[in-house]
């Protein structure tokens, strides 16, 4: 029984050594094939590495492009915000400018209106003063004329009367001025006065 086991163990060892030897020979053959055909080896490596490198490069570029788009989007958003703020500021300034311009125009219109009202008032006052002066003058002339008429005397011409005698009788002097006063009051142009004519003898101021 012991011999059988030893024989079996030896055969197993021989089989194991034989399998190792065959595996070693296959491995050496593969190595020899690789070293025997270097171009084929390089081609196989290139076929494996190039697609892998392309895939890595594509992933890297895609990621960078995404990041850049995010940055551009953020920048665009910031630029849009700045533009909106600028537009809002400009609109606010324009509104303030329009409001100030409207106030200035209203103030100017009010000043012009007040100036025109003052001019109209001064004109009305001037016209009132002129009218009052004219009325006062007319009233004075009317009163003077009425007073003169009240003070005027009448005289009926008699035979032998002359303007000299009549002026001398009523004014105390028969000078040319007194005679002309009687002529003017009665519309006489000469020295001849018909008898019976009623003369108005105005007061001699």
C-alpha atoms as a PDB file:
ATOM      1  CA  UNK A   1       0.000   0.000   0.000  1.00  0.00           C
ATOM      2  CA  UNK A   2       2.885   2.288   0.782  1.00  0.00           C
ATOM      3  CA  UNK A   3       4.602   1.515  -2.524  1.00  0.00           C
ATOM      4  CA  UNK A   4       1.456   2.314  -4.414  1.00  0.00           C
ATOM      5  CA  UNK A   5       1.185   5.659  -2.780  1.00  0.00           C
ATOM      6  CA  UNK A   6       4.773   6.517  -3.499  1.00  0.00           C
ATOM      7  CA  UNK A   7       4.414   5.557  -7.120  1.00  0.00           C
ATOM      8  CA  UNK A   8       1.308   7.637  -7.442  1.00  0.00           C
ATOM      9  CA  UNK A   9       3.004  10.580  -5.810  1.00  0.00           C
ATOM     10  CA  UNK A  10       5.953  10.275  -8.145  1.00  0.00           C
ATOM     11  CA  UNK A  11       3.687  10.107 -11.173  1.00  0.00           C
ATOM     12  CA  UNK A  12       1.817  13.195  -9.980  1.00  0.00           C
ATOM     13  CA  UNK A  13       5.103  15.050  -9.521  1.00  0.00           C
ATOM     14  CA  UNK A  14       6.205  13.997 -12.976  1.00  0.00           C
ATOM     15  CA  UNK A  15       2.898  15.102 -14.419  1.00  0.00           C
ATOM     16  CA  UNK A  16       3.181  18.424 -12.613  1.00  0.00           C
ATOM     17  CA  UNK A  17       6.732  18.943 -13.828  1.00  0.00           C
ATOM     18  CA  UNK A  18       5.618  18.043 -17.312  1.00  0.00           C
ATOM     19  CA  UNK A  19       2.779  20.582 -17.228  1.00  0.00           C
ATOM     20  CA  UNK A  20       5.112  23.283 -15.884  1.00  0.00           C
ATOM     21  CA  UNK A  21       7.596  22.479 -18.589  1.00  0.00           C
ATOM     22  CA  UNK A  22       4.924  22.709 -21.263  1.00  0.00           C
ATOM     23  CA  UNK A  23       3.614  26.008 -19.858  1.00  0.00           C
ATOM     24  CA  UNK A  24       7.142  27.403 -19.737  1.00  0.00           C
ATOM     25  CA  UNK A  25       7.727  26.390 -23.312  1.00  0.00           C
ATOM     26  CA  UNK A  26       4.457  28.068 -24.413  1.00  0.00           C
ATOM     27  CA  UNK A  27       5.439  31.214 -22.561  1.00  0.00           C
ATOM     28  CA  UNK A  28       8.863  31.263 -24.165  1.00  0.00           C
ATOM     29  CA  UNK A  29       7.275  30.721 -27.574  1.00  0.00           C
ATOM     30  CA  UNK A  30       4.983  33.683 -26.994  1.00  0.00           C
ATOM     31  CA  UNK A  31       7.923  35.834 -25.916  1.00  0.00           C
ATOM     32  CA  UNK A  32       9.856  34.698 -28.912  1.00  0.00           C
ATOM     33  CA  UNK A  33       6.920  35.599 -31.154  1.00  0.00           C
ATOM     34  CA  UNK A  34       6.752  39.074 -29.618  1.00  0.00           C
ATOM     35  CA  UNK A  35      10.458  39.699 -29.940  1.00  0.00           C
ATOM     36  CA  UNK A  36      10.486  38.098 -33.325  1.00  0.00           C
ATOM     37  CA  UNK A  37       7.820  40.505 -34.722  1.00  0.00           C
ATOM     38  CA  UNK A  38       8.396  43.979 -33.108  1.00  0.00           C
ATOM     39  CA  UNK A  39       6.286  45.827 -35.708  1.00  0.00           C
ATOM     40  CA  UNK A  40       3.299  43.670 -34.867  1.00  0.00           C
ATOM     41  CA  UNK A  41       3.845  44.378 -31.198  1.00  0.00           C
ATOM     42  CA  UNK A  42       4.025  48.138 -31.804  1.00  0.00           C
ATOM     43  CA  UNK A  43       0.868  47.998 -33.913  1.00  0.00           C
ATOM     44  CA  UNK A  44      -1.015  46.142 -31.200  1.00  0.00           C
ATOM     45  CA  UNK A  45       0.111  48.658 -28.598  1.00  0.00           C
ATOM     46  CA  UNK A  46      -0.896  51.571 -30.839  1.00  0.00           C
ATOM     47  CA  UNK A  47      -4.315  50.052 -31.471  1.00  0.00           C
ATOM     48  CA  UNK A  48      -4.892  49.827 -27.734  1.00  0.00           C
ATOM     49  CA  UNK A  49      -3.309  53.113 -26.598  1.00  0.00           C
ATOM     50  CA  UNK A  50      -4.545  55.505 -29.353  1.00  0.00           C
ATOM     51  CA  UNK A  51      -8.299  54.979 -28.743  1.00  0.00           C
ATOM     52  CA  UNK A  52      -7.710  55.203 -25.014  1.00  0.00           C
ATOM     53  CA  UNK A  53      -5.756  58.451 -25.453  1.00  0.00           C
ATOM     54  CA  UNK A  54      -8.484  59.821 -27.763  1.00  0.00           C
ATOM     55  CA  UNK A  55     -11.149  58.955 -25.218  1.00  0.00           C
ATOM     56  CA  UNK A  56      -9.228  60.639 -22.405  1.00  0.00           C
ATOM     57  CA  UNK A  57      -8.556  63.721 -24.569  1.00  0.00           C
ATOM     58  CA  UNK A  58     -12.208  63.957 -25.593  1.00  0.00           C
ATOM     59  CA  UNK A  59     -13.340  63.726 -21.981  1.00  0.00           C
ATOM     60  CA  UNK A  60     -10.834  66.411 -20.944  1.00  0.00           C
ATOM     61  CA  UNK A  61     -11.798  68.777 -23.789  1.00  0.00           C
ATOM     62  CA  UNK A  62     -15.494  68.237 -23.143  1.00  0.00           C
ATOM     63  CA  UNK A  63     -15.069  69.030 -19.456  1.00  0.00           C
ATOM     64  CA  UNK A  64     -13.055  72.193 -20.200  1.00  0.00           C
ATOM     65  CA  UNK A  65     -15.623  73.293 -22.774  1.00  0.00           C
ATOM     66  CA  UNK A  66     -18.388  72.838 -20.214  1.00  0.00           C
ATOM     67  CA  UNK A  67     -16.450  74.864 -17.639  1.00  0.00           C
ATOM     68  CA  UNK A  68     -15.771  77.582 -20.197  1.00  0.00           C
ATOM     69  CA  UNK A  69     -19.443  77.718 -21.117  1.00  0.00           C
ATOM     70  CA  UNK A  70     -20.302  78.090 -17.455  1.00  0.00           C
ATOM     71  CA  UNK A  71     -17.765  80.901 -17.124  1.00  0.00           C
ATOM     72  CA  UNK A  72     -19.064  82.592 -20.283  1.00  0.00           C
ATOM     73  CA  UNK A  73     -22.613  82.217 -19.031  1.00  0.00           C
ATOM     74  CA  UNK A  74     -21.674  83.729 -15.692  1.00  0.00           C
ATOM     75  CA  UNK A  75     -19.776  86.520 -17.446  1.00  0.00           C
ATOM     76  CA  UNK A  76     -22.696  87.120 -19.785  1.00  0.00           C
ATOM     77  CA  UNK A  77     -25.006  87.193 -16.803  1.00  0.00           C
ATOM     78  CA  UNK A  78     -22.752  89.685 -15.044  1.00  0.00           C
ATOM     79  CA  UNK A  79     -22.475  91.767 -18.226  1.00  0.00           C
ATOM     80  CA  UNK A  80     -26.241  91.670 -18.635  1.00  0.00           C
ATOM     81  CA  UNK A  81     -26.631  92.736 -15.024  1.00  0.00           C
ATOM     82  CA  UNK A  82     -24.182  95.587 -15.571  1.00  0.00           C
ATOM     83  CA  UNK A  83     -25.981  96.638 -18.758  1.00  0.00           C
ATOM     84  CA  UNK A  84     -29.335  96.521 -16.979  1.00  0.00           C
ATOM     85  CA  UNK A  85     -27.926  98.586 -14.115  1.00  0.00           C
ATOM     86  CA  UNK A  86     -26.463 101.080 -16.584  1.00  0.00           C
ATOM     87  CA  UNK A  87     -29.744 101.284 -18.487  1.00  0.00           C
ATOM     88  CA  UNK A  88     -31.645 101.710 -15.234  1.00  0.00           C
ATOM     89  CA  UNK A  89     -29.231 104.411 -14.094  1.00  0.00           C
ATOM     90  CA  UNK A  90     -29.472 106.174 -17.459  1.00  0.00           C
ATOM     91  CA  UNK A  91     -33.279 105.977 -17.390  1.00  0.00           C
ATOM     92  CA  UNK A  92     -33.287 107.321 -13.826  1.00  0.00           C
ATOM     93  CA  UNK A  93     -31.000 110.188 -14.808  1.00  0.00           C
ATOM     94  CA  UNK A  94     -33.154 110.914 -17.860  1.00  0.00           C
ATOM     95  CA  UNK A  95     -36.270 110.934 -15.674  1.00  0.00           C
ATOM     96  CA  UNK A  96     -34.614 113.312 -13.199  1.00  0.00           C
ATOM     97  CA  UNK A  97     -33.422 115.522 -16.058  1.00  0.00           C
ATOM     98  CA  UNK A  98     -36.913 115.594 -17.597  1.00  0.00           C
ATOM     99  CA  UNK A  99     -38.440 116.410 -14.207  1.00  0.00           C
ATOM    100  CA  UNK A 100     -35.956 119.224 -13.609  1.00  0.00           C
ATOM    101  CA  UNK A 101     -36.537 120.525 -17.138  1.00  0.00           C
ATOM    102  CA  UNK A 102     -40.306 120.485 -16.582  1.00  0.00           C
ATOM    103  CA  UNK A 103     -39.853 122.346 -13.282  1.00  0.00           C
ATOM    104  CA  UNK A 104     -37.622 124.943 -14.967  1.00  0.00           C
ATOM    105  CA  UNK A 105     -40.142 125.410 -17.775  1.00  0.00           C
ATOM    106  CA  UNK A 106     -43.002 125.744 -15.265  1.00  0.00           C
ATOM    107  CA  UNK A 107     -40.968 128.240 -13.241  1.00  0.00           C
ATOM    108  CA  UNK A 108     -40.127 130.194 -16.381  1.00  0.00           C
ATOM    109  CA  UNK A 109     -43.766 130.184 -17.517  1.00  0.00           C
ATOM    110  CA  UNK A 110     -44.850 131.374 -14.066  1.00  0.00           C
ATOM    111  CA  UNK A 111     -42.272 134.181 -14.142  1.00  0.00           C
ATOM    112  CA  UNK A 112     -43.419 135.217 -17.638  1.00  0.00           C
ATOM    113  CA  UNK A 113     -47.036 135.164 -16.480  1.00  0.00           C
ATOM    114  CA  UNK A 114     -46.238 137.298 -13.437  1.00  0.00           C
ATOM    115  CA  UNK A 115     -44.237 139.691 -15.593  1.00  0.00           C
ATOM    116  CA  UNK A 116     -47.094 139.983 -18.088  1.00  0.00           C
ATOM    117  CA  UNK A 117     -49.602 140.487 -15.263  1.00  0.00           C
ATOM    118  CA  UNK A 118     -47.411 143.211 -13.770  1.00  0.00           C
ATOM    119  CA  UNK A 119     -47.060 144.898 -17.167  1.00  0.00           C
ATOM    120  CA  UNK A 120     -50.835 144.759 -17.678  1.00  0.00           C
ATOM    121  CA  UNK A 121     -51.360 146.172 -14.201  1.00  0.00           C
ATOM    122  CA  UNK A 122     -48.892 148.997 -14.833  1.00  0.00           C
ATOM    123  CA  UNK A 123     -50.543 149.716 -18.192  1.00  0.00           C
ATOM    124  CA  UNK A 124     -53.995 149.777 -16.594  1.00  0.00           C
ATOM    125  CA  UNK A 125     -52.687 152.058 -13.837  1.00  0.00           C
ATOM    126  CA  UNK A 126     -51.119 154.382 -16.384  1.00  0.00           C
ATOM    127  CA  UNK A 127     -54.314 154.492 -18.423  1.00  0.00           C
ATOM    128  CA  UNK A 128     -56.299 155.156 -15.238  1.00  0.00           C
ATOM    129  CA  UNK A 129     -53.994 158.035 -14.298  1.00  0.00           C
ATOM    130  CA  UNK A 130     -54.211 159.533 -17.803  1.00  0.00           C
ATOM    131  CA  UNK A 131     -57.980 159.207 -17.757  1.00  0.00           C
ATOM    132  CA  UNK A 132     -58.196 160.763 -14.297  1.00  0.00           C
ATOM    133  CA  UNK A 133     -55.996 163.638 -15.430  1.00  0.00           C
ATOM    134  CA  UNK A 134     -58.076 164.125 -18.571  1.00  0.00           C
ATOM    135  CA  UNK A 135     -61.287 163.991 -16.546  1.00  0.00           C
ATOM    136  CA  UNK A 136     -59.886 166.447 -14.018  1.00  0.00           C
ATOM    137  CA  UNK A 137     -58.789 168.778 -16.796  1.00  0.00           C
ATOM    138  CA  UNK A 138     -62.157 168.551 -18.529  1.00  0.00           C
ATOM    139  CA  UNK A 139     -63.915 169.106 -15.213  1.00  0.00           C
ATOM    140  CA  UNK A 140     -61.715 172.098 -14.461  1.00  0.00           C
ATOM    141  CA  UNK A 141     -62.381 173.570 -17.884  1.00  0.00           C
ATOM    142  CA  UNK A 142     -66.083 172.926 -17.485  1.00  0.00           C
ATOM    143  CA  UNK A 143     -66.117 174.496 -14.043  1.00  0.00           C
ATOM    144  CA  UNK A 144     -64.078 177.431 -15.317  1.00  0.00           C
ATOM    145  CA  UNK A 145     -66.419 177.909 -18.205  1.00  0.00           C
ATOM    146  CA  UNK A 146     -69.443 177.646 -15.947  1.00  0.00           C
ATOM    147  CA  UNK A 147     -67.908 180.126 -13.532  1.00  0.00           C
ATOM    148  CA  UNK A 148     -67.085 182.467 -16.368  1.00  0.00           C
ATOM    149  CA  UNK A 149     -70.606 182.209 -17.641  1.00  0.00           C
ATOM    150  CA  UNK A 150     -71.920 182.956 -14.171  1.00  0.00           C
ATOM    151  CA  UNK A 151     -69.625 185.947 -13.868  1.00  0.00           C
ATOM    152  CA  UNK A 152     -70.266 187.157 -17.391  1.00  0.00           C
ATOM    153  CA  UNK A 153     -72.421 190.199 -17.752  1.00  0.00           C
ATOM    154  CA  UNK A 154     -74.603 191.320 -20.601  1.00  0.00           C
ATOM    155  CA  UNK A 155     -74.751 194.824 -22.094  1.00  0.00           C
ATOM    156  CA  UNK A 156     -77.055 196.272 -24.719  1.00  0.00           C
ATOM    157  CA  UNK A 157     -75.292 198.604 -27.154  1.00  0.00           C
ATOM    158  CA  UNK A 158     -76.636 202.141 -27.268  1.00  0.00           C
ATOM    159  CA  UNK A 159     -76.107 204.904 -29.766  1.00  0.00           C
ATOM    160  CA  UNK A 160     -72.625 206.367 -29.594  1.00  0.00           C
ATOM    161  CA  UNK A 161     -71.116 203.299 -27.812  1.00  0.00           C
ATOM    162  CA  UNK A 162     -67.721 201.999 -28.905  1.00  0.00           C
ATOM    163  CA  UNK A 163     -65.689 199.004 -27.820  1.00  0.00           C
ATOM    164  CA  UNK A 164     -63.317 201.373 -26.120  1.00  0.00           C
ATOM    165  CA  UNK A 165     -66.083 202.967 -24.044  1.00  0.00           C
ATOM    166  CA  UNK A 166     -67.664 199.622 -23.204  1.00  0.00           C
ATOM    167  CA  UNK A 167     -64.270 198.138 -22.114  1.00  0.00           C
ATOM    168  CA  UNK A 168     -63.485 201.252 -20.152  1.00  0.00           C
ATOM    169  CA  UNK A 169     -66.853 201.094 -18.396  1.00  0.00           C
ATOM    170  CA  UNK A 170     -66.643 197.401 -17.422  1.00  0.00           C
ATOM    171  CA  UNK A 171     -62.884 196.810 -16.997  1.00  0.00           C
ATOM    172  CA  UNK A 172     -61.656 200.257 -15.998  1.00  0.00           C
ATOM    173  CA  UNK A 173     -59.439 200.360 -19.070  1.00  0.00           C
ATOM    174  CA  UNK A 174     -60.247 200.527 -22.764  1.00  0.00           C
ATOM    175  CA  UNK A 175     -56.981 199.025 -23.942  1.00  0.00           C
ATOM    176  CA  UNK A 176     -56.710 196.689 -26.930  1.00  0.00           C
ATOM    177  CA  UNK A 177     -56.632 193.513 -24.760  1.00  0.00           C
ATOM    178  CA  UNK A 178     -59.929 194.328 -23.076  1.00  0.00           C
ATOM    179  CA  UNK A 179     -61.509 195.204 -26.418  1.00  0.00           C
ATOM    180  CA  UNK A 180     -60.289 191.879 -27.892  1.00  0.00           C
ATOM    181  CA  UNK A 181     -61.754 190.045 -24.912  1.00  0.00           C
ATOM    182  CA  UNK A 182     -65.187 191.463 -25.727  1.00  0.00           C
ATOM    183  CA  UNK A 183     -64.766 190.680 -29.411  1.00  0.00           C
ATOM    184  CA  UNK A 184     -63.794 187.035 -28.657  1.00  0.00           C
ATOM    185  CA  UNK A 185     -66.706 186.545 -26.274  1.00  0.00           C
ATOM    186  CA  UNK A 186     -69.224 187.810 -28.827  1.00  0.00           C
ATOM    187  CA  UNK A 187     -67.689 186.798 -32.135  1.00  0.00           C
ATOM    188  CA  UNK A 188     -67.056 190.316 -33.330  1.00  0.00           C
ATOM    189  CA  UNK A 189     -64.260 190.998 -35.820  1.00  0.00           C
ATOM    190  CA  UNK A 190     -64.406 194.777 -36.279  1.00  0.00           C
ATOM    191  CA  UNK A 191     -65.006 197.865 -34.193  1.00  0.00           C
ATOM    192  CA  UNK A 192     -68.531 198.614 -35.519  1.00  0.00           C
ATOM    193  CA  UNK A 193     -71.350 197.346 -33.288  1.00  0.00           C
ATOM    194  CA  UNK A 194     -74.990 197.813 -34.268  1.00  0.00           C
ATOM    195  CA  UNK A 195     -77.185 199.598 -31.744  1.00  0.00           C
ATOM    196  CA  UNK A 196     -79.315 197.212 -29.713  1.00  0.00           C
ATOM    197  CA  UNK A 197     -76.822 194.375 -29.856  1.00  0.00           C
ATOM    198  CA  UNK A 198     -76.631 192.471 -26.572  1.00  0.00           C
ATOM    199  CA  UNK A 199     -72.970 191.878 -25.711  1.00  0.00           C
ATOM    200  CA  UNK A 200     -71.590 189.385 -23.272  1.00  0.00           C
ATOM    201  CA  UNK A 201     -69.000 191.004 -21.079  1.00  0.00           C
ATOM    202  CA  UNK A 202     -66.721 188.230 -19.787  1.00  0.00           C
ATOM    203  CA  UNK A 203     -64.745 188.627 -16.562  1.00  0.00           C
ATOM    204  CA  UNK A 204     -61.295 190.007 -16.921  1.00  0.00           C
ATOM    205  CA  UNK A 205     -58.931 187.717 -14.957  1.00  0.00           C
END
